[in-house]
Amino acid sequence: MIAQEGWPLIGGLVVIAGLLGWYVDGLVALPLWALTVMALYLFRDPPRTRPALPLGVLSPVDGRVEAVDEIRDPCLDRNAVRIRLCMFGTGTYSVRAPIEGKVMQRWQDKLIANRCEDGDNNDEFDDYGIWIQSDEKDDIVLLIPGGLPFRHPRFYPNTGDRIGQGQRCGFIRFGSRVDLLLPVTSKIAVQAGQRVSGGESVLGNLVHEKLNVASPQTN
């Protein structure tokens, strides 16, 4: 129920609060105990129920849909549908895989955001890109802007690893903006302003055209 990334901070607060209460005064330690309770809340990580939709694209994070538009993918050089998500500062910070597939490549590059058509840029910190490909060759890209050291995004699977749909695979302390780039043929299921839950909410569905094979004619 508590994210592993939060335990060092929580443990440190508990130790300091305990020492202050023992050697100084219990009242002096009260603010640190309050911070400990706040940290327990901020670093909560409740389990999620993944919907049974093999072709569904799940939200990677908790937050709100900020925009849905079409851009030029700065990583794969293709047209793509972008779903921009804004995480809540007091929400859960875990990142979950939107689809099942293989991690094809990871990028860390100041130029990723600069290549986006909307002119976003981040001159101070590197941006992160993760390319995940499904078994059906659908390409999904996650773009995460870099941030201050205490907000440094983490993504645990390496290039070549397989990840499951909805699997916890990363962490962004105190939240961030996350862009999810889908194939332009995808059927989008959300709109701007909608709240979503990581690993549970369906952002869209991957569409595969069925091949119509004509049956042989007999004379």
N, C-alpha and C. Protein backbone atom coordinates (compact mmCIF):
# COMPACT_ATOMS: atom_id res chain seq x y z
N MET A 1 0.80 -1.21 0.00
CA MET A 1 0.00 0.00 0.00
C MET A 1 0.85 1.27 0.00
N ILE A 2 2.13 1.17 0.35
CA ILE A 2 3.03 2.32 0.34
C ILE A 2 4.13 2.06 -0.70
N ALA A 3 4.38 3.04 -1.57
CA ALA A 3 5.40 2.88 -2.60
C ALA A 3 6.78 2.71 -1.97
N GLN A 4 7.55 1.77 -2.51
CA GLN A 4 8.88 1.50 -1.96
C GLN A 4 9.78 2.72 -2.03
N GLU A 5 9.55 3.60 -3.02
CA GLU A 5 10.38 4.79 -3.16
C GLU A 5 10.19 5.78 -2.01
N GLY A 6 9.08 5.66 -1.27
CA GLY A 6 8.83 6.58 -0.18
C GLY A 6 9.37 6.15 1.16
N TRP A 7 9.77 4.87 1.28
CA TRP A 7 10.20 4.37 2.58
C TRP A 7 11.46 5.04 3.12
N PRO A 8 12.47 5.38 2.32
CA PRO A 8 13.62 6.09 2.89
C PRO A 8 13.24 7.41 3.56
N LEU A 9 12.36 8.18 2.92
CA LEU A 9 11.92 9.45 3.51
C LEU A 9 11.10 9.19 4.77
N ILE A 10 10.15 8.25 4.67
CA ILE A 10 9.29 7.97 5.82
C ILE A 10 10.12 7.43 6.99
N GLY A 11 11.04 6.51 6.69
CA GLY A 11 11.88 5.96 7.75
C GLY A 11 12.75 7.02 8.40
N GLY A 12 13.30 7.94 7.59
CA GLY A 12 14.11 9.01 8.14
C GLY A 12 13.32 9.92 9.06
N LEU A 13 12.09 10.25 8.66
CA LEU A 13 11.24 11.10 9.50
C LEU A 13 10.91 10.42 10.82
N VAL A 14 10.62 9.12 10.76
CA VAL A 14 10.29 8.38 11.98
C VAL A 14 11.47 8.36 12.94
N VAL A 15 12.66 8.12 12.42
CA VAL A 15 13.85 8.06 13.28
C VAL A 15 14.11 9.41 13.93
N ILE A 16 14.07 10.48 13.13
CA ILE A 16 14.35 11.81 13.68
C ILE A 16 13.29 12.22 14.69
N ALA A 17 12.00 11.94 14.35
CA ALA A 17 10.93 12.29 15.28
C ALA A 17 11.07 11.51 16.58
N GLY A 18 11.43 10.23 16.48
CA GLY A 18 11.61 9.41 17.67
C GLY A 18 12.75 9.90 18.54
N LEU A 19 13.86 10.28 17.92
CA LEU A 19 15.00 10.78 18.69
C LEU A 19 14.69 12.11 19.38
N LEU A 20 14.00 13.00 18.66
CA LEU A 20 13.62 14.28 19.26
C LEU A 20 12.67 14.07 20.43
N GLY A 21 11.71 13.18 20.23
CA GLY A 21 10.76 12.92 21.31
C GLY A 21 11.42 12.30 22.53
N TRP A 22 12.42 11.48 22.32
CA TRP A 22 13.09 10.79 23.44
C TRP A 22 14.08 11.68 24.16
N TYR A 23 14.89 12.42 23.38
CA TYR A 23 15.97 13.19 24.00
C TYR A 23 15.62 14.65 24.25
N VAL A 24 14.62 15.18 23.54
CA VAL A 24 14.31 16.60 23.71
C VAL A 24 12.93 16.75 24.36
N ASP A 25 11.90 16.68 23.53
CA ASP A 25 10.54 16.85 24.05
C ASP A 25 9.56 16.32 23.02
N GLY A 26 8.50 15.70 23.50
CA GLY A 26 7.50 15.14 22.59
C GLY A 26 6.83 16.19 21.74
N LEU A 27 6.63 17.39 22.29
CA LEU A 27 5.98 18.46 21.53
C LEU A 27 6.85 18.92 20.37
N VAL A 28 8.16 18.91 20.58
CA VAL A 28 9.07 19.32 19.51
C VAL A 28 8.98 18.35 18.33
N ALA A 29 8.72 17.09 18.62
CA ALA A 29 8.67 16.07 17.57
C ALA A 29 7.34 16.04 16.82
N LEU A 30 6.31 16.71 17.35
CA LEU A 30 4.98 16.65 16.73
C LEU A 30 4.97 17.06 15.25
N PRO A 31 5.65 18.16 14.88
CA PRO A 31 5.64 18.52 13.45
C PRO A 31 6.22 17.43 12.56
N LEU A 32 7.25 16.72 13.04
CA LEU A 32 7.84 15.64 12.24
C LEU A 32 6.89 14.45 12.15
N TRP A 33 6.15 14.17 13.21
CA TRP A 33 5.16 13.09 13.13
C TRP A 33 4.06 13.47 12.13
N ALA A 34 3.70 14.76 12.10
CA ALA A 34 2.70 15.21 11.13
C ALA A 34 3.23 15.05 9.70
N LEU A 35 4.52 15.38 9.50
CA LEU A 35 5.12 15.18 8.18
C LEU A 35 5.17 13.70 7.80
N THR A 36 5.37 12.84 8.79
CA THR A 36 5.39 11.40 8.52
C THR A 36 4.03 10.93 8.02
N VAL A 37 2.97 11.40 8.68
CA VAL A 37 1.61 11.04 8.25
C VAL A 37 1.35 11.56 6.84
N MET A 38 1.80 12.79 6.56
CA MET A 38 1.63 13.35 5.22
C MET A 38 2.39 12.53 4.18
N ALA A 39 3.61 12.11 4.51
CA ALA A 39 4.41 11.31 3.58
C ALA A 39 3.75 9.96 3.32
N LEU A 40 3.15 9.35 4.35
CA LEU A 40 2.44 8.09 4.16
C LEU A 40 1.29 8.26 3.17
N TYR A 41 0.63 9.41 3.26
CA TYR A 41 -0.47 9.67 2.34
C TYR A 41 0.04 9.91 0.92
N LEU A 42 1.08 10.73 0.79
CA LEU A 42 1.58 11.08 -0.53
C LEU A 42 2.17 9.87 -1.27
N PHE A 43 2.80 8.96 -0.53
CA PHE A 43 3.46 7.83 -1.15
C PHE A 43 2.61 6.56 -1.11
N ARG A 44 1.30 6.73 -0.97
CA ARG A 44 0.41 5.58 -1.03
C ARG A 44 0.45 4.97 -2.42
N ASP A 45 0.25 3.68 -2.49
CA ASP A 45 0.30 2.99 -3.79
C ASP A 45 -0.68 1.82 -3.77
N PRO A 46 -1.97 2.11 -3.78
CA PRO A 46 -2.97 1.05 -3.69
C PRO A 46 -2.96 0.16 -4.92
N PRO A 47 -3.38 -1.11 -4.77
CA PRO A 47 -3.45 -2.01 -5.93
C PRO A 47 -4.52 -1.54 -6.90
N ARG A 48 -4.36 -1.90 -8.17
CA ARG A 48 -5.28 -1.50 -9.21
C ARG A 48 -5.88 -2.74 -9.89
N THR A 49 -7.10 -2.60 -10.37
CA THR A 49 -7.78 -3.68 -11.08
C THR A 49 -7.71 -3.40 -12.57
N ARG A 50 -6.96 -4.21 -13.28
CA ARG A 50 -6.76 -4.00 -14.72
C ARG A 50 -7.96 -4.54 -15.49
N PRO A 51 -8.54 -3.73 -16.40
CA PRO A 51 -9.66 -4.22 -17.21
C PRO A 51 -9.18 -5.26 -18.22
N ALA A 52 -10.07 -6.18 -18.55
CA ALA A 52 -9.73 -7.27 -19.49
C ALA A 52 -9.92 -6.79 -20.92
N LEU A 53 -8.99 -5.96 -21.39
CA LEU A 53 -9.05 -5.40 -22.75
C LEU A 53 -7.66 -5.53 -23.37
N PRO A 54 -7.38 -6.61 -24.08
CA PRO A 54 -6.04 -6.82 -24.65
C PRO A 54 -5.58 -5.69 -25.55
N LEU A 55 -6.51 -5.07 -26.29
CA LEU A 55 -6.15 -3.99 -27.20
C LEU A 55 -6.37 -2.61 -26.60
N GLY A 56 -6.70 -2.57 -25.32
CA GLY A 56 -6.90 -1.30 -24.65
C GLY A 56 -5.57 -0.65 -24.27
N VAL A 57 -5.54 0.66 -24.28
CA VAL A 57 -4.38 1.43 -23.84
C VAL A 57 -4.75 2.08 -22.52
N LEU A 58 -4.09 1.65 -21.44
CA LEU A 58 -4.42 2.13 -20.11
C LEU A 58 -3.64 3.40 -19.77
N SER A 59 -4.22 4.18 -18.90
CA SER A 59 -3.52 5.38 -18.44
C SER A 59 -2.29 4.96 -17.65
N PRO A 60 -1.13 5.55 -17.94
CA PRO A 60 0.08 5.19 -17.19
C PRO A 60 0.14 5.81 -15.80
N VAL A 61 -0.64 6.86 -15.55
CA VAL A 61 -0.55 7.59 -14.28
C VAL A 61 -1.94 8.04 -13.84
N ASP A 62 -2.03 8.43 -12.58
CA ASP A 62 -3.22 9.10 -12.08
C ASP A 62 -3.13 10.57 -12.45
N GLY A 63 -4.25 11.13 -12.90
CA GLY A 63 -4.22 12.54 -13.22
C GLY A 63 -5.44 12.98 -13.99
N ARG A 64 -5.25 14.01 -14.79
CA ARG A 64 -6.33 14.57 -15.59
C ARG A 64 -5.85 14.71 -17.04
N VAL A 65 -6.74 14.43 -17.98
CA VAL A 65 -6.42 14.60 -19.39
C VAL A 65 -6.40 16.10 -19.69
N GLU A 66 -5.24 16.57 -20.10
CA GLU A 66 -5.08 18.00 -20.39
C GLU A 66 -5.41 18.31 -21.84
N ALA A 67 -5.06 17.41 -22.75
CA ALA A 67 -5.32 17.66 -24.17
C ALA A 67 -5.25 16.34 -24.95
N VAL A 68 -5.97 16.31 -26.05
CA VAL A 68 -5.89 15.21 -27.02
C VAL A 68 -5.73 15.84 -28.38
N ASP A 69 -4.60 15.58 -29.04
CA ASP A 69 -4.36 16.19 -30.34
C ASP A 69 -3.44 15.29 -31.15
N GLU A 70 -3.12 15.75 -32.35
CA GLU A 70 -2.24 14.99 -33.23
C GLU A 70 -0.95 15.78 -33.44
N ILE A 71 0.19 15.12 -33.27
CA ILE A 71 1.49 15.78 -33.43
C ILE A 71 2.41 14.88 -34.24
N ARG A 72 3.59 15.39 -34.51
CA ARG A 72 4.66 14.59 -35.10
C ARG A 72 5.46 13.97 -33.96
N ASP A 73 5.51 12.65 -33.92
CA ASP A 73 6.22 11.93 -32.87
C ASP A 73 7.71 12.29 -32.94
N PRO A 74 8.29 12.92 -31.89
CA PRO A 74 9.70 13.31 -31.94
C PRO A 74 10.66 12.15 -31.81
N CYS A 75 10.17 11.00 -31.39
CA CYS A 75 11.04 9.83 -31.20
C CYS A 75 11.02 8.89 -32.39
N LEU A 76 9.83 8.62 -32.93
CA LEU A 76 9.70 7.65 -34.02
C LEU A 76 9.46 8.30 -35.38
N ASP A 77 9.41 9.63 -35.41
CA ASP A 77 9.24 10.37 -36.67
C ASP A 77 8.02 9.86 -37.44
N ARG A 78 6.87 9.96 -36.83
CA ARG A 78 5.60 9.53 -37.43
C ARG A 78 4.52 10.46 -36.91
N ASN A 79 3.37 10.47 -37.57
CA ASN A 79 2.22 11.16 -37.03
C ASN A 79 1.63 10.29 -35.92
N ALA A 80 1.22 10.93 -34.84
CA ALA A 80 0.70 10.18 -33.70
C ALA A 80 -0.37 11.01 -32.98
N VAL A 81 -1.26 10.30 -32.30
CA VAL A 81 -2.23 10.95 -31.43
C VAL A 81 -1.59 11.11 -30.06
N ARG A 82 -1.55 12.34 -29.56
CA ARG A 82 -0.98 12.60 -28.25
C ARG A 82 -2.08 12.80 -27.22
N ILE A 83 -1.99 12.05 -26.14
CA ILE A 83 -2.86 12.27 -24.99
C ILE A 83 -1.97 12.83 -23.88
N ARG A 84 -2.18 14.08 -23.54
CA ARG A 84 -1.37 14.73 -22.51
C ARG A 84 -2.06 14.61 -21.16
N LEU A 85 -1.33 14.05 -20.20
CA LEU A 85 -1.86 13.85 -18.86
C LEU A 85 -1.10 14.73 -17.88
N CYS A 86 -1.83 15.31 -16.95
CA CYS A 86 -1.21 16.12 -15.90
C CYS A 86 -1.45 15.42 -14.57
N MET A 87 -0.38 14.95 -13.95
CA MET A 87 -0.51 14.25 -12.68
C MET A 87 -0.85 15.23 -11.56
N PHE A 88 -1.53 14.73 -10.54
CA PHE A 88 -1.86 15.54 -9.37
C PHE A 88 -0.69 15.53 -8.40
N GLY A 89 -0.36 16.69 -7.83
CA GLY A 89 0.73 16.76 -6.87
C GLY A 89 0.49 15.94 -5.62
N THR A 90 -0.78 15.72 -5.28
CA THR A 90 -1.11 14.92 -4.10
C THR A 90 -1.66 13.55 -4.48
N GLY A 91 -1.51 13.18 -5.75
CA GLY A 91 -1.99 11.87 -6.18
C GLY A 91 -0.91 10.81 -6.01
N THR A 92 -1.20 9.59 -6.49
CA THR A 92 -0.19 8.55 -6.45
C THR A 92 0.82 8.81 -7.57
N TYR A 93 2.06 8.40 -7.35
CA TYR A 93 3.16 8.76 -8.25
C TYR A 93 3.67 7.60 -9.08
N SER A 94 3.04 6.45 -8.98
CA SER A 94 3.51 5.28 -9.74
C SER A 94 3.20 5.43 -11.22
N VAL A 95 4.07 4.85 -12.06
CA VAL A 95 3.87 4.81 -13.50
C VAL A 95 3.59 3.36 -13.88
N ARG A 96 2.56 3.13 -14.68
CA ARG A 96 2.18 1.78 -15.08
C ARG A 96 2.20 1.65 -16.59
N ALA A 97 2.49 0.45 -17.06
CA ALA A 97 2.61 0.21 -18.50
C ALA A 97 1.24 0.34 -19.17
N PRO A 98 1.14 1.13 -20.24
CA PRO A 98 -0.16 1.29 -20.90
C PRO A 98 -0.59 0.06 -21.69
N ILE A 99 0.38 -0.72 -22.18
CA ILE A 99 0.07 -1.92 -22.95
C ILE A 99 1.04 -3.03 -22.55
N GLU A 100 0.73 -4.24 -22.99
CA GLU A 100 1.68 -5.34 -22.84
C GLU A 100 2.60 -5.34 -24.06
N GLY A 101 3.87 -5.54 -23.83
CA GLY A 101 4.78 -5.56 -24.97
C GLY A 101 6.23 -5.54 -24.54
N LYS A 102 7.06 -5.11 -25.45
CA LYS A 102 8.51 -5.10 -25.26
C LYS A 102 9.02 -3.67 -25.29
N VAL A 103 9.92 -3.37 -24.36
CA VAL A 103 10.57 -2.05 -24.36
C VAL A 103 11.61 -2.05 -25.46
N MET A 104 11.32 -1.29 -26.52
CA MET A 104 12.20 -1.28 -27.69
C MET A 104 13.38 -0.33 -27.51
N GLN A 105 13.14 0.80 -26.86
CA GLN A 105 14.21 1.79 -26.71
C GLN A 105 13.83 2.80 -25.64
N ARG A 106 14.85 3.38 -25.02
CA ARG A 106 14.68 4.45 -24.05
C ARG A 106 15.56 5.62 -24.47
N TRP A 107 15.02 6.83 -24.33
CA TRP A 107 15.79 8.03 -24.67
C TRP A 107 15.91 8.93 -23.45
N GLN A 108 16.98 9.66 -23.37
CA GLN A 108 17.16 10.73 -22.40
C GLN A 108 17.85 11.85 -23.14
N ASP A 109 17.09 12.89 -23.47
CA ASP A 109 17.57 13.85 -24.46
C ASP A 109 16.91 15.20 -24.23
N LYS A 110 17.70 16.26 -24.13
CA LYS A 110 17.14 17.61 -24.00
C LYS A 110 16.35 18.01 -25.24
N LEU A 111 16.61 17.36 -26.36
CA LEU A 111 16.00 17.80 -27.61
C LEU A 111 14.63 17.19 -27.87
N ILE A 112 14.21 16.20 -27.07
CA ILE A 112 12.93 15.54 -27.33
C ILE A 112 11.79 16.55 -27.31
N ALA A 113 11.70 17.32 -26.23
CA ALA A 113 10.61 18.29 -26.12
C ALA A 113 10.74 19.38 -27.18
N ASN A 114 11.96 19.77 -27.51
CA ASN A 114 12.16 20.82 -28.51
C ASN A 114 11.67 20.39 -29.89
N ARG A 115 11.62 19.08 -30.15
CA ARG A 115 11.18 18.60 -31.45
C ARG A 115 9.67 18.50 -31.56
N CYS A 116 8.95 18.69 -30.45
CA CYS A 116 7.50 18.64 -30.50
C CYS A 116 6.96 19.88 -31.20
N GLU A 117 5.85 19.71 -31.88
CA GLU A 117 5.32 20.79 -32.70
C GLU A 117 4.78 21.96 -31.88
N ASP A 118 4.42 21.70 -30.60
CA ASP A 118 3.81 22.78 -29.84
C ASP A 118 4.84 23.73 -29.24
N GLY A 119 6.13 23.46 -29.50
CA GLY A 119 7.16 24.39 -29.05
C GLY A 119 7.58 24.21 -27.61
N ASP A 120 7.12 23.13 -26.96
CA ASP A 120 7.58 22.89 -25.58
C ASP A 120 9.09 22.74 -25.58
N ASN A 121 9.74 23.21 -24.55
CA ASN A 121 11.17 22.94 -24.42
C ASN A 121 11.54 22.92 -22.95
N ASN A 122 12.63 22.29 -22.67
CA ASN A 122 13.11 22.14 -21.31
C ASN A 122 14.63 22.27 -21.38
N ASP A 123 15.12 23.47 -21.18
CA ASP A 123 16.54 23.72 -21.40
C ASP A 123 17.42 23.21 -20.26
N GLU A 124 16.84 23.05 -19.06
CA GLU A 124 17.65 22.70 -17.91
C GLU A 124 17.85 21.20 -17.74
N PHE A 125 16.79 20.43 -18.00
CA PHE A 125 16.82 19.02 -17.64
C PHE A 125 16.47 18.15 -18.84
N ASP A 126 17.02 16.94 -18.84
CA ASP A 126 16.74 15.99 -19.90
C ASP A 126 15.29 15.53 -19.85
N ASP A 127 14.74 15.24 -21.02
CA ASP A 127 13.43 14.63 -21.12
C ASP A 127 13.61 13.14 -21.37
N TYR A 128 12.57 12.38 -21.06
CA TYR A 128 12.66 10.93 -21.15
C TYR A 128 11.62 10.42 -22.14
N GLY A 129 12.03 9.50 -22.97
CA GLY A 129 11.13 8.84 -23.91
C GLY A 129 11.26 7.34 -23.78
N ILE A 130 10.14 6.63 -23.75
CA ILE A 130 10.13 5.17 -23.67
C ILE A 130 9.24 4.63 -24.79
N TRP A 131 9.80 3.77 -25.60
CA TRP A 131 9.09 3.17 -26.73
C TRP A 131 8.74 1.73 -26.37
N ILE A 132 7.42 1.45 -26.36
CA ILE A 132 6.92 0.11 -26.07
C ILE A 132 6.19 -0.40 -27.31
N GLN A 133 6.50 -1.62 -27.72
CA GLN A 133 5.86 -2.21 -28.90
C GLN A 133 5.11 -3.48 -28.50
N SER A 134 3.86 -3.56 -28.92
CA SER A 134 3.05 -4.74 -28.62
C SER A 134 3.44 -5.89 -29.53
N ASP A 135 2.92 -7.08 -29.23
CA ASP A 135 3.20 -8.25 -30.07
C ASP A 135 2.61 -8.09 -31.47
N GLU A 136 1.61 -7.22 -31.60
CA GLU A 136 1.00 -6.95 -32.90
C GLU A 136 1.68 -5.78 -33.62
N LYS A 137 2.83 -5.33 -33.10
CA LYS A 137 3.64 -4.27 -33.70
C LYS A 137 3.00 -2.88 -33.58
N ASP A 138 2.18 -2.69 -32.56
CA ASP A 138 1.67 -1.35 -32.26
C ASP A 138 2.73 -0.62 -31.43
N ASP A 139 3.01 0.61 -31.80
CA ASP A 139 4.05 1.40 -31.12
C ASP A 139 3.41 2.46 -30.23
N ILE A 140 3.79 2.42 -28.96
CA ILE A 140 3.35 3.40 -27.97
C ILE A 140 4.59 4.09 -27.40
N VAL A 141 4.56 5.41 -27.30
CA VAL A 141 5.69 6.16 -26.75
C VAL A 141 5.22 6.98 -25.56
N LEU A 142 5.98 6.89 -24.47
CA LEU A 142 5.76 7.72 -23.29
C LEU A 142 6.81 8.82 -23.28
N LEU A 143 6.39 10.07 -23.14
CA LEU A 143 7.30 11.19 -23.01
C LEU A 143 7.11 11.82 -21.63
N ILE A 144 8.20 11.92 -20.89
CA ILE A 144 8.16 12.49 -19.54
C ILE A 144 9.20 13.59 -19.45
N PRO A 145 8.80 14.82 -19.15
CA PRO A 145 9.80 15.89 -19.03
C PRO A 145 10.67 15.69 -17.81
N GLY A 146 11.95 16.03 -17.94
CA GLY A 146 12.84 15.95 -16.79
C GLY A 146 12.47 17.00 -15.76
N GLY A 147 12.98 16.84 -14.56
CA GLY A 147 12.65 17.78 -13.50
C GLY A 147 13.78 17.92 -12.51
N LEU A 148 13.49 18.60 -11.43
CA LEU A 148 14.46 18.78 -10.37
C LEU A 148 14.86 17.42 -9.80
N PRO A 149 16.03 17.32 -9.16
CA PRO A 149 16.50 16.02 -8.66
C PRO A 149 15.48 15.28 -7.82
N PHE A 150 14.70 16.00 -6.98
CA PHE A 150 13.73 15.30 -6.13
C PHE A 150 12.50 14.87 -6.92
N ARG A 151 12.40 15.30 -8.20
CA ARG A 151 11.29 14.87 -9.05
C ARG A 151 11.78 14.02 -10.21
N HIS A 152 12.99 13.52 -10.09
CA HIS A 152 13.61 12.76 -11.18
C HIS A 152 12.76 11.55 -11.55
N PRO A 153 12.28 11.45 -12.80
CA PRO A 153 11.47 10.29 -13.20
C PRO A 153 12.30 9.01 -13.19
N ARG A 154 11.67 7.92 -12.83
CA ARG A 154 12.32 6.62 -12.85
C ARG A 154 11.49 5.66 -13.71
N PHE A 155 12.19 4.89 -14.53
CA PHE A 155 11.55 3.85 -15.33
C PHE A 155 12.43 2.61 -15.20
N TYR A 156 11.89 1.54 -14.64
CA TYR A 156 12.71 0.42 -14.22
C TYR A 156 13.03 -0.62 -15.30
N PRO A 157 12.11 -0.99 -16.19
CA PRO A 157 12.48 -1.96 -17.23
C PRO A 157 13.55 -1.41 -18.17
N ASN A 158 14.41 -2.28 -18.63
CA ASN A 158 15.46 -1.91 -19.56
C ASN A 158 15.05 -2.24 -20.99
N THR A 159 15.80 -1.72 -21.95
CA THR A 159 15.55 -2.05 -23.35
C THR A 159 15.62 -3.56 -23.55
N GLY A 160 14.59 -4.10 -24.20
CA GLY A 160 14.52 -5.54 -24.44
C GLY A 160 13.65 -6.28 -23.44
N ASP A 161 13.31 -5.63 -22.30
CA ASP A 161 12.46 -6.28 -21.30
C ASP A 161 11.00 -6.30 -21.76
N ARG A 162 10.27 -7.31 -21.32
CA ARG A 162 8.83 -7.37 -21.55
C ARG A 162 8.11 -6.84 -20.32
N ILE A 163 7.02 -6.11 -20.56
CA ILE A 163 6.21 -5.61 -19.46
C ILE A 163 4.75 -5.94 -19.74
N GLY A 164 4.00 -6.12 -18.68
CA GLY A 164 2.59 -6.46 -18.80
C GLY A 164 1.71 -5.22 -18.75
N GLN A 165 0.56 -5.32 -19.33
CA GLN A 165 -0.39 -4.21 -19.33
C GLN A 165 -0.78 -3.88 -17.89
N GLY A 166 -0.63 -2.63 -17.50
CA GLY A 166 -0.95 -2.20 -16.15
C GLY A 166 0.13 -2.46 -15.12
N GLN A 167 1.24 -3.07 -15.54
CA GLN A 167 2.32 -3.39 -14.60
C GLN A 167 2.99 -2.11 -14.10
N ARG A 168 3.27 -2.08 -12.81
CA ARG A 168 3.99 -0.94 -12.24
C ARG A 168 5.42 -0.96 -12.76
N CYS A 169 5.85 0.11 -13.43
CA CYS A 169 7.15 0.09 -14.09
C CYS A 169 7.96 1.36 -13.87
N GLY A 170 7.44 2.31 -13.10
CA GLY A 170 8.19 3.53 -12.88
C GLY A 170 7.60 4.37 -11.77
N PHE A 171 8.21 5.52 -11.55
CA PHE A 171 7.81 6.38 -10.44
C PHE A 171 8.22 7.81 -10.74
N ILE A 172 7.30 8.76 -10.50
CA ILE A 172 7.61 10.18 -10.67
C ILE A 172 7.22 10.88 -9.38
N ARG A 173 8.21 11.16 -8.56
CA ARG A 173 7.95 11.76 -7.25
C ARG A 173 7.32 13.14 -7.40
N PHE A 174 6.18 13.34 -6.74
CA PHE A 174 5.42 14.59 -6.73
C PHE A 174 4.80 14.94 -8.08
N GLY A 175 4.79 13.98 -9.00
CA GLY A 175 4.03 14.14 -10.23
C GLY A 175 4.73 14.93 -11.31
N SER A 176 4.13 14.94 -12.50
CA SER A 176 4.70 15.61 -13.65
C SER A 176 3.65 15.62 -14.76
N ARG A 177 4.05 16.10 -15.90
CA ARG A 177 3.26 15.97 -17.12
C ARG A 177 3.73 14.72 -17.84
N VAL A 178 2.80 13.96 -18.41
CA VAL A 178 3.14 12.76 -19.15
C VAL A 178 2.40 12.79 -20.48
N ASP A 179 3.13 12.62 -21.58
CA ASP A 179 2.52 12.53 -22.91
C ASP A 179 2.54 11.08 -23.37
N LEU A 180 1.40 10.60 -23.83
CA LEU A 180 1.29 9.25 -24.37
C LEU A 180 1.00 9.37 -25.86
N LEU A 181 1.87 8.81 -26.70
CA LEU A 181 1.72 8.91 -28.15
C LEU A 181 1.24 7.57 -28.70
N LEU A 182 0.09 7.58 -29.38
CA LEU A 182 -0.55 6.38 -29.91
C LEU A 182 -0.57 6.43 -31.43
N PRO A 183 -0.72 5.27 -32.10
CA PRO A 183 -0.91 5.28 -33.55
C PRO A 183 -2.14 6.10 -33.93
N VAL A 184 -2.09 6.77 -35.07
CA VAL A 184 -3.20 7.63 -35.49
C VAL A 184 -4.47 6.84 -35.76
N THR A 185 -4.36 5.54 -35.93
CA THR A 185 -5.54 4.71 -36.17
C THR A 185 -6.26 4.34 -34.88
N SER A 186 -5.72 4.71 -33.75
CA SER A 186 -6.31 4.33 -32.46
C SER A 186 -7.66 4.99 -32.25
N LYS A 187 -8.52 4.31 -31.53
CA LYS A 187 -9.82 4.85 -31.17
C LYS A 187 -9.71 5.44 -29.77
N ILE A 188 -9.79 6.77 -29.66
CA ILE A 188 -9.58 7.45 -28.39
C ILE A 188 -10.87 7.41 -27.57
N ALA A 189 -10.71 7.14 -26.26
CA ALA A 189 -11.88 6.96 -25.39
C ALA A 189 -11.97 8.03 -24.30
N VAL A 190 -11.12 9.06 -24.35
CA VAL A 190 -11.15 10.11 -23.33
C VAL A 190 -11.15 11.48 -24.00
N GLN A 191 -11.42 12.49 -23.20
CA GLN A 191 -11.39 13.86 -23.69
C GLN A 191 -10.79 14.77 -22.64
N ALA A 192 -10.43 15.98 -23.05
CA ALA A 192 -9.80 16.92 -22.14
C ALA A 192 -10.68 17.19 -20.93
N GLY A 193 -10.04 17.24 -19.76
CA GLY A 193 -10.75 17.51 -18.52
C GLY A 193 -11.14 16.26 -17.74
N GLN A 194 -11.00 15.12 -18.35
CA GLN A 194 -11.42 13.86 -17.71
C GLN A 194 -10.35 13.36 -16.74
N ARG A 195 -10.77 12.91 -15.57
CA ARG A 195 -9.86 12.31 -14.60
C ARG A 195 -9.62 10.85 -14.96
N VAL A 196 -8.39 10.39 -14.75
CA VAL A 196 -8.04 9.01 -15.09
C VAL A 196 -7.22 8.40 -13.96
N SER A 197 -7.26 7.07 -13.87
CA SER A 197 -6.50 6.33 -12.86
C SER A 197 -5.49 5.44 -13.56
N GLY A 198 -4.25 5.48 -13.09
CA GLY A 198 -3.19 4.68 -13.69
C GLY A 198 -3.45 3.19 -13.56
N GLY A 199 -3.32 2.47 -14.68
CA GLY A 199 -3.51 1.03 -14.67
C GLY A 199 -4.95 0.57 -14.70
N GLU A 200 -5.90 1.52 -14.67
CA GLU A 200 -7.32 1.16 -14.67
C GLU A 200 -8.10 1.84 -15.79
N SER A 201 -7.92 3.13 -15.96
CA SER A 201 -8.70 3.87 -16.96
C SER A 201 -8.21 3.58 -18.37
N VAL A 202 -9.14 3.36 -19.27
CA VAL A 202 -8.83 3.09 -20.68
C VAL A 202 -8.80 4.41 -21.44
N LEU A 203 -7.63 4.75 -22.00
CA LEU A 203 -7.49 5.99 -22.77
C LEU A 203 -7.92 5.80 -24.22
N GLY A 204 -7.79 4.59 -24.71
CA GLY A 204 -8.13 4.32 -26.10
C GLY A 204 -7.98 2.84 -26.41
N ASN A 205 -8.26 2.52 -27.65
CA ASN A 205 -8.12 1.14 -28.10
C ASN A 205 -7.34 1.10 -29.41
N LEU A 206 -6.45 0.13 -29.52
CA LEU A 206 -5.68 -0.06 -30.75
C LEU A 206 -6.57 -0.75 -31.77
N VAL A 207 -6.57 -0.22 -32.97
CA VAL A 207 -7.46 -0.74 -34.02
C VAL A 207 -6.62 -1.48 -35.05
N HIS A 208 -7.00 -2.71 -35.32
CA HIS A 208 -6.34 -3.51 -36.35
C HIS A 208 -7.34 -3.79 -37.46
N GLU A 209 -6.98 -3.40 -38.67
CA GLU A 209 -7.87 -3.65 -39.81
C GLU A 209 -7.88 -5.13 -40.13
N LYS A 210 -9.09 -5.63 -40.34
CA LYS A 210 -9.22 -7.04 -40.71
C LYS A 210 -9.03 -7.20 -42.22
N LEU A 211 -8.27 -8.19 -42.59
CA LEU A 211 -8.04 -8.46 -43.99
C LEU A 211 -9.20 -9.28 -44.55
N ASN A 212 -9.78 -8.81 -45.61
CA ASN A 212 -10.86 -9.54 -46.25
C ASN A 212 -10.28 -10.43 -47.35
N VAL A 213 -10.24 -11.71 -47.09
CA VAL A 213 -9.70 -12.65 -48.04
C VAL A 213 -10.85 -13.29 -48.82
N ALA A 214 -10.86 -13.09 -50.12
CA ALA A 214 -11.94 -13.62 -50.93
C ALA A 214 -11.83 -15.13 -51.03
N SER A 215 -12.98 -15.78 -50.90
CA SER A 215 -12.98 -17.25 -50.99
C SER A 215 -12.84 -17.66 -52.45
N PRO A 216 -12.16 -18.75 -52.71
CA PRO A 216 -11.98 -19.17 -54.10
C PRO A 216 -13.31 -19.52 -54.76
N GLN A 217 -13.44 -19.10 -56.01
CA GLN A 217 -14.67 -19.37 -56.73
C GLN A 217 -14.57 -20.71 -57.45
N THR A 218 -15.66 -21.38 -57.46
CA THR A 218 -15.72 -22.67 -58.18
C THR A 218 -16.58 -22.53 -59.42
N ASN A 219 -16.17 -23.19 -60.45
CA ASN A 219 -16.93 -23.12 -61.70
C ASN A 219 -18.10 -24.12 -61.67
